[in-house]
């Protein structure tokens, strides 16, 4: 049974929706160099096994549409991990006297990629060898994964990437032209649970960077993160959640330094929240200089430090980093849970409708939401 996927490539009409227009523009800006599919399946021994393909796919309309959609989905995917290729010699040099060197990840992937980029190896054997390496690491990490494994080397807006993604195959039913039902298989590209991407341009031009590798981390434990570190021979770099928490702390401290009253403080934090969420919705990262420029244009008074200068080196923030929506909620809301209780409310309501007494550890709410009030009255 064949596997199909639909193409998103088309001529953009005048009334194209923003989503389809974004996808169309992405399609037009994306240039596929090489792409190939392999397959992972469970063997008779219960371990994952690979069925490999011997030639690349032609970059036809369907493949172009698939890659445009994968690029868009991955850019908007939250919770990604960041890393860089490990340097065993540097890791040993950083050890204190007498400290035992930890186990270093294998450089096999990095060496194979360097050979590919140096035109010492062809793309097909590279992908086959890296598929076998992936299977080996899946077994070592006790990960039971199967599906269609994609390797793609492509360029988007002047940046070269290598994408590795395991796509899940699903079954469905379609109606033929003769109005008969038949089973089909399709790729569920909306679920990118096992995916990694290397920014080849950043790796080449900024080898000191700690974020040119990105990968899916998963929602449970560190299994996926550890798997990718071992498979790619990498070390974890920037932590996007910690960067977002650092930004929130910097904003709070900046508001304190300028002695803003509660209303001004809420407005300022709303402005930061608006910028960050707009960046996330557009698939872009938070740029500290850009954020500072927007804030300074509206907020800074004579003699005030702008936000970028205020941060300096104190907060250890990267120049740019992805937005973490769950963390950014802390700019405009108080959120907490525990002991069967979950609370979330706008910060501007504190001391107007909601009051906290630290002496008695009591929260008082004036004007209970109607739907909650109705439930409470029914149980009274």
Protein backbone atom coordinates (compact mmCIF):
# COMPACT_ATOMS: atom_id res chain seq x y z
CA UNK A 1 0.00 0.00 0.00
CA UNK A 2 1.48 3.32 -1.03
CA UNK A 3 1.94 6.35 1.16
CA UNK A 4 0.58 9.67 -0.08
CA UNK A 5 0.69 13.26 1.03
CA UNK A 6 -1.03 16.27 -0.37
CA UNK A 7 0.80 19.19 -1.93
CA UNK A 8 0.32 22.78 -0.77
CA UNK A 9 1.87 24.37 -3.85
CA UNK A 10 -0.49 26.56 -5.86
CA UNK A 11 -0.81 29.99 -7.40
CA UNK A 12 -1.91 32.41 -4.72
CA UNK A 13 -5.23 34.01 -5.68
CA UNK A 14 -6.21 37.54 -4.71
CA UNK A 15 -8.31 36.40 -1.75
CA UNK A 16 -5.81 33.86 -0.39
CA UNK A 17 -6.09 33.41 3.39
CA UNK A 18 -3.10 34.58 5.51
CA UNK A 19 -2.26 30.95 6.42
CA UNK A 20 -2.24 29.75 2.79
CA UNK A 21 -0.38 32.85 1.64
CA UNK A 22 2.33 32.21 4.25
CA UNK A 23 2.59 28.60 3.10
CA UNK A 24 2.73 29.66 -0.56
CA UNK A 25 5.47 32.22 0.11
CA UNK A 26 7.39 29.61 2.12
CA UNK A 27 7.07 27.19 -0.81
CA UNK A 28 8.39 29.81 -3.24
CA UNK A 29 11.40 30.63 -1.00
CA UNK A 30 12.42 27.03 -0.27
CA UNK A 31 14.97 25.30 -2.49
CA UNK A 32 15.46 21.54 -2.04
CA UNK A 33 18.97 20.27 -2.68
CA UNK A 34 18.53 16.58 -1.77
CA UNK A 35 15.72 14.63 -0.13
CA UNK A 36 15.26 10.92 0.56
CA UNK A 37 12.89 8.69 2.52
CA UNK A 38 13.71 5.52 4.45
CA UNK A 39 11.43 3.39 6.61
CA UNK A 40 11.62 2.20 10.22
CA UNK A 41 9.61 -0.87 11.18
CA UNK A 42 9.56 -3.30 14.12
CA UNK A 43 11.47 -6.51 13.37
CA UNK A 44 10.68 -10.04 14.48
CA UNK A 45 12.93 -9.47 17.48
CA UNK A 46 10.83 -6.50 18.56
CA UNK A 47 13.63 -4.05 17.78
CA UNK A 48 13.41 -1.28 15.16
CA UNK A 49 14.78 -2.14 11.72
CA UNK A 50 15.37 0.01 8.65
CA UNK A 51 14.32 -0.43 5.03
CA UNK A 52 16.40 1.99 2.97
CA UNK A 53 15.90 3.62 -0.42
CA UNK A 54 18.68 3.66 -3.02
CA UNK A 55 17.99 7.01 -4.67
CA UNK A 56 16.80 10.51 -3.80
CA UNK A 57 13.33 11.80 -4.52
CA UNK A 58 12.76 14.25 -7.39
CA UNK A 59 11.88 17.71 -6.08
CA UNK A 60 8.49 17.68 -7.78
CA UNK A 61 5.33 19.52 -6.81
CA UNK A 62 4.30 17.06 -4.09
CA UNK A 63 7.76 16.96 -2.49
CA UNK A 64 8.06 20.75 -2.63
CA UNK A 65 4.69 21.08 -0.91
CA UNK A 66 5.65 18.55 1.76
CA UNK A 67 8.90 20.34 2.58
CA UNK A 68 7.24 23.76 2.69
CA UNK A 69 4.71 22.43 5.19
CA UNK A 70 7.35 20.64 7.30
CA UNK A 71 9.46 23.81 7.42
CA UNK A 72 6.48 25.89 8.53
CA UNK A 73 5.38 23.40 11.20
CA UNK A 74 8.85 22.95 12.61
CA UNK A 75 9.50 26.69 12.81
CA UNK A 76 6.31 27.10 14.84
CA UNK A 77 6.93 24.09 17.07
CA UNK A 78 7.44 24.97 20.71
CA UNK A 79 9.56 23.25 23.32
CA UNK A 80 12.54 22.60 21.08
CA UNK A 81 15.95 21.81 22.50
CA UNK A 82 19.11 23.56 21.31
CA UNK A 83 22.60 22.16 21.01
CA UNK A 84 25.96 22.11 19.28
CA UNK A 85 28.45 19.43 18.23
CA UNK A 86 30.52 18.26 21.18
CA UNK A 87 34.26 18.86 21.23
CA UNK A 88 35.80 16.06 23.37
CA UNK A 89 39.15 17.89 23.69
CA UNK A 90 37.46 21.08 24.92
CA UNK A 91 35.36 19.09 27.39
CA UNK A 92 38.49 17.49 28.87
CA UNK A 93 40.26 20.87 29.04
CA UNK A 94 37.38 22.29 31.12
CA UNK A 95 37.78 19.62 33.82
CA UNK A 96 39.20 20.54 37.18
CA UNK A 97 42.34 18.83 38.41
CA UNK A 98 41.60 15.23 39.33
CA UNK A 99 38.05 15.36 37.94
CA UNK A 100 37.12 12.27 35.92
CA UNK A 101 36.07 12.93 32.32
CA UNK A 102 32.42 12.00 31.63
CA UNK A 103 31.52 9.80 28.71
CA UNK A 104 31.70 11.83 25.50
CA UNK A 105 29.14 11.40 22.69
CA UNK A 106 30.33 9.76 19.48
CA UNK A 107 31.46 12.16 16.73
CA UNK A 108 30.25 9.74 14.02
CA UNK A 109 27.39 11.96 12.83
CA UNK A 110 29.48 15.13 12.75
CA UNK A 111 32.30 13.40 10.84
CA UNK A 112 29.85 11.96 8.30
CA UNK A 113 28.20 15.38 7.85
CA UNK A 114 31.56 17.07 7.35
CA UNK A 115 32.39 14.50 4.66
CA UNK A 116 29.05 15.15 2.97
CA UNK A 117 29.50 18.91 2.97
CA UNK A 118 33.11 18.53 1.82
CA UNK A 119 31.87 16.44 -1.12
CA UNK A 120 33.78 13.41 0.15
CA UNK A 121 30.54 11.42 0.43
CA UNK A 122 27.28 11.21 -1.50
CA UNK A 123 23.92 12.08 0.03
CA UNK A 124 22.31 8.63 -0.39
CA UNK A 125 25.01 6.59 1.42
CA UNK A 126 25.21 9.34 4.06
CA UNK A 127 21.48 9.02 4.73
CA UNK A 128 21.66 5.20 4.79
CA UNK A 129 24.56 5.17 7.25
CA UNK A 130 22.90 7.77 9.47
CA UNK A 131 19.67 5.74 9.40
CA UNK A 132 21.56 2.72 10.68
CA UNK A 133 23.18 4.90 13.37
CA UNK A 134 19.74 6.20 14.32
CA UNK A 135 18.40 2.64 14.68
CA UNK A 136 21.39 1.75 16.88
CA UNK A 137 20.69 4.70 19.16
CA UNK A 138 16.97 3.95 19.30
CA UNK A 139 17.80 0.46 20.59
CA UNK A 140 20.28 1.81 23.14
CA UNK A 141 17.70 4.29 24.46
CA UNK A 142 14.86 1.74 24.43
CA UNK A 143 12.76 3.91 22.11
CA UNK A 144 10.19 2.04 20.04
CA UNK A 145 9.73 4.29 17.01
CA UNK A 146 8.51 3.48 13.52
CA UNK A 147 7.42 5.37 10.44
CA UNK A 148 8.93 7.12 7.42
CA UNK A 149 12.37 8.64 8.08
CA UNK A 150 13.09 11.76 6.03
CA UNK A 151 16.50 13.30 5.34
CA UNK A 152 16.42 16.64 3.51
CA UNK A 153 19.12 19.16 2.71
CA UNK A 154 17.52 22.43 1.65
CA UNK A 155 17.89 26.19 1.58
CA UNK A 156 15.39 28.72 2.89
CA UNK A 157 15.99 32.45 2.41
CA UNK A 158 19.74 32.01 2.05
CA UNK A 159 20.17 29.59 4.98
CA UNK A 160 21.16 25.94 4.45
CA UNK A 161 19.55 23.28 6.63
CA UNK A 162 19.67 19.53 7.17
CA UNK A 163 16.35 18.18 8.44
CA UNK A 164 15.87 14.70 9.90
CA UNK A 165 12.28 13.79 10.74
CA UNK A 166 10.41 10.59 11.53
CA UNK A 167 6.92 10.91 10.04
CA UNK A 168 4.11 8.76 11.34
CA UNK A 169 2.07 6.83 8.78
CA UNK A 170 -1.69 6.57 9.36
CA UNK A 171 -4.56 4.84 7.63
CA UNK A 172 -7.76 6.45 6.44
CA UNK A 173 -10.59 5.94 3.94
CA UNK A 174 -11.19 7.86 0.74
CA UNK A 175 -13.88 7.85 -1.94
CA UNK A 176 -12.90 7.02 -5.53
CA UNK A 177 -14.36 8.63 -8.66
CA UNK A 178 -16.63 5.57 -8.91
CA UNK A 179 -17.94 6.42 -5.40
CA UNK A 180 -16.26 3.38 -3.88
CA UNK A 181 -14.44 3.37 -0.57
CA UNK A 182 -10.78 2.41 -0.43
CA UNK A 183 -8.12 2.44 2.24
CA UNK A 184 -5.13 4.76 1.95
CA UNK A 185 -2.10 5.57 4.03
CA UNK A 186 -0.95 9.12 4.61
CA UNK A 187 1.83 10.92 6.45
CA UNK A 188 0.69 12.73 9.58
CA UNK A 189 3.14 15.62 9.26
CA UNK A 190 1.34 17.63 11.93
CA UNK A 191 2.95 15.42 14.60
CA UNK A 192 6.69 15.91 14.56
CA UNK A 193 7.61 13.95 17.66
CA UNK A 194 11.07 12.88 16.52
CA UNK A 195 12.75 15.60 14.49
CA UNK A 196 16.05 17.46 14.44
CA UNK A 197 17.44 20.23 12.23
CA UNK A 198 20.96 21.56 11.78
CA UNK A 199 21.51 25.13 10.63
CA UNK A 200 24.46 24.40 8.34
CA UNK A 201 25.05 28.07 7.60
CA UNK A 202 25.31 29.05 11.27
CA UNK A 203 27.54 26.03 11.99
CA UNK A 204 29.90 27.09 9.22
CA UNK A 205 29.94 30.85 9.86
CA UNK A 206 29.59 30.81 13.69
CA UNK A 207 31.25 27.61 14.93
CA UNK A 208 31.27 29.02 18.49
CA UNK A 209 27.44 29.13 18.50
CA UNK A 210 25.65 26.85 20.98
CA UNK A 211 22.34 26.70 19.15
CA UNK A 212 22.77 25.63 15.51
CA UNK A 213 21.24 22.22 16.30
CA UNK A 214 17.56 22.09 17.27
CA UNK A 215 15.56 19.01 18.18
CA UNK A 216 12.25 17.87 19.67
CA UNK A 217 12.54 17.27 23.40
CA UNK A 218 9.31 15.38 24.04
CA UNK A 219 6.91 15.91 26.92
CA UNK A 220 7.98 13.13 29.29
CA UNK A 221 11.40 13.04 30.93
CA UNK A 222 14.63 13.52 29.02
CA UNK A 223 14.48 10.46 26.75
CA UNK A 224 14.23 12.30 23.43
CA UNK A 225 16.73 14.96 24.44
CA UNK A 226 19.27 12.35 25.55
CA UNK A 227 18.65 10.34 22.38
CA UNK A 228 19.41 13.28 20.08
CA UNK A 229 22.50 14.27 22.06
CA UNK A 230 23.91 10.76 21.61
CA UNK A 231 22.77 10.34 18.00
CA UNK A 232 24.12 13.68 16.80
CA UNK A 233 27.17 13.65 19.08
CA UNK A 234 26.09 16.95 20.58
CA UNK A 235 25.80 18.80 23.85
CA UNK A 236 22.82 20.83 25.01
CA UNK A 237 23.21 24.56 24.53
CA UNK A 238 20.72 27.35 25.03
CA UNK A 239 17.63 26.62 27.14
CA UNK A 240 14.72 28.63 25.69
CA UNK A 241 12.57 28.33 28.83
CA UNK A 242 15.38 29.70 31.02
CA UNK A 243 15.88 32.55 28.54
CA UNK A 244 12.18 33.45 28.75
CA UNK A 245 12.28 33.34 32.56
CA UNK A 246 15.32 35.60 32.48
CA UNK A 247 13.45 38.04 30.25
CA UNK A 248 10.54 38.17 32.73
CA UNK A 249 12.93 38.89 35.59
CA UNK A 250 14.68 41.60 33.56
CA UNK A 251 11.33 43.26 32.76
CA UNK A 252 10.32 43.22 36.44
CA UNK A 253 13.65 44.70 37.52
CA UNK A 254 13.50 47.35 34.79
CA UNK A 255 10.04 48.42 35.94
CA UNK A 256 11.36 48.63 39.52
CA UNK A 257 14.33 50.73 38.41
CA UNK A 258 12.02 53.23 36.74
CA UNK A 259 9.63 53.26 39.73
CA UNK A 260 6.55 52.67 37.59
CA UNK A 261 3.18 52.73 39.31
CA UNK A 262 1.01 49.57 39.02
CA UNK A 263 -0.95 50.81 35.97
CA UNK A 264 2.23 51.84 34.10
CA UNK A 265 3.86 48.55 35.05
CA UNK A 266 0.95 46.52 33.67
CA UNK A 267 0.93 48.53 30.44
CA UNK A 268 4.67 48.06 30.03
CA UNK A 269 4.47 44.30 30.56
CA UNK A 270 1.53 44.08 28.16
CA UNK A 271 3.67 45.75 25.51
CA UNK A 272 6.43 43.19 26.04
CA UNK A 273 3.88 40.36 25.96
CA UNK A 274 2.34 41.69 22.73
CA UNK A 275 5.72 41.82 20.97
CA UNK A 276 6.74 38.33 22.14
CA UNK A 277 3.48 36.63 21.20
CA UNK A 278 3.43 38.32 17.80
CA UNK A 279 6.94 37.02 17.16
CA UNK A 280 5.87 33.52 18.19
CA UNK A 281 2.78 33.61 15.96
CA UNK A 282 4.92 34.65 13.00
CA UNK A 283 7.38 31.81 13.65
CA UNK A 284 10.06 34.37 14.58
CA UNK A 285 12.27 34.62 17.65
CA UNK A 286 12.41 37.30 20.33
CA UNK A 287 15.11 39.82 19.36
CA UNK A 288 16.30 41.74 22.42
CA UNK A 289 17.53 44.75 20.45
CA UNK A 290 14.30 44.92 18.45
CA UNK A 291 12.21 44.61 21.62
CA UNK A 292 14.26 47.32 23.30
CA UNK A 293 13.84 49.66 20.34
CA UNK A 294 10.04 49.30 20.48
CA UNK A 295 9.95 49.86 24.22
CA UNK A 296 12.36 52.81 24.17
CA UNK A 297 10.36 54.61 21.50
CA UNK A 298 7.34 54.72 23.79
CA UNK A 299 8.57 54.44 27.34
CA UNK A 300 12.04 55.80 27.98
CA UNK A 301 12.30 59.26 29.44
CA UNK A 302 15.20 61.66 29.53
CA UNK A 303 18.20 60.12 31.24
CA UNK A 304 16.67 56.62 31.36
CA UNK A 305 18.64 53.60 30.23
CA UNK A 306 16.97 51.77 27.38
CA UNK A 307 15.98 48.17 28.05
CA UNK A 308 18.90 46.72 26.07
CA UNK A 309 21.48 48.79 27.98
CA UNK A 310 19.81 47.96 31.29
CA UNK A 311 20.11 44.22 30.65
CA UNK A 312 23.81 44.36 29.78
CA UNK A 313 25.59 41.17 30.83
CA UNK A 314 23.72 40.79 34.12
CA UNK A 315 20.89 38.56 32.91
CA UNK A 316 22.88 36.33 30.52
CA UNK A 317 20.24 36.65 27.81
CA UNK A 318 20.99 35.62 24.24
CA UNK A 319 20.56 38.24 21.53
CA UNK A 320 17.64 36.18 20.23
CA UNK A 321 15.73 33.15 21.45
CA UNK A 322 12.36 31.46 20.83
CA UNK A 323 9.29 32.56 22.75
CA UNK A 324 7.94 30.12 25.33
CA UNK A 325 4.23 30.89 25.55
CA UNK A 326 3.63 29.19 28.90
CA UNK A 327 6.43 31.21 30.54
CA UNK A 328 5.41 34.47 28.87
CA UNK A 329 1.98 34.26 30.47
CA UNK A 330 3.75 35.45 33.61
CA UNK A 331 4.01 38.91 32.05
CA UNK A 332 0.29 39.56 32.31
CA UNK A 333 -1.14 36.87 34.60
CA UNK A 334 -0.65 35.32 38.00
CA UNK A 335 -0.86 31.55 37.67
CA UNK A 336 -0.56 28.87 40.32
CA UNK A 337 -1.80 25.43 41.23
CA UNK A 338 -1.47 22.93 44.06
CA UNK A 339 -3.53 20.86 46.45
CA UNK A 340 -6.36 20.51 43.94
CA UNK A 341 -6.59 24.26 43.38
CA UNK A 342 -5.71 26.11 40.15
CA UNK A 343 -5.84 29.91 39.89
CA UNK A 344 -5.17 32.24 36.99
CA UNK A 345 -6.04 35.93 36.79
CA UNK A 346 -4.86 39.14 35.15
CA UNK A 347 -2.20 40.95 37.17
CA UNK A 348 -4.10 44.25 36.85
CA UNK A 349 -6.86 42.79 39.05
CA UNK A 350 -4.60 42.54 42.09
CA UNK A 351 -5.66 45.10 44.71
CA UNK A 352 -8.73 46.06 42.67
CA UNK A 353 -10.90 42.93 42.56
CA UNK A 354 -8.49 40.41 44.08
CA UNK A 355 -6.69 41.01 47.38
CA UNK A 356 -3.96 38.99 49.05
CA UNK A 357 -3.27 39.10 52.80
CA UNK A 358 0.17 37.60 53.49
CA UNK A 359 -0.50 37.56 57.25
CA UNK A 360 -3.39 35.10 56.94
CA UNK A 361 -2.31 33.68 53.54
CA UNK A 362 -5.79 34.50 52.25
CA UNK A 363 -6.95 35.52 48.78
CA UNK A 364 -10.18 37.53 48.57
CA UNK A 365 -12.10 37.78 45.29
CA UNK A 366 -14.71 40.47 44.73
CA UNK A 367 -17.07 39.83 41.85
CA UNK A 368 -16.87 36.07 41.31
CA UNK A 369 -17.16 35.12 37.60
CA UNK A 370 -20.86 34.33 36.84
CA UNK A 371 -20.27 30.77 35.62
CA UNK A 372 -18.23 29.94 38.73
CA UNK A 373 -20.76 31.66 40.97
CA UNK A 374 -23.57 29.59 39.45
CA UNK A 375 -21.70 26.35 40.18
CA UNK A 376 -20.97 27.42 43.76
CA UNK A 377 -24.61 28.38 44.42
CA UNK A 378 -25.82 25.00 43.14
CA UNK A 379 -23.53 23.21 45.58
CA UNK A 380 -24.31 25.48 48.57
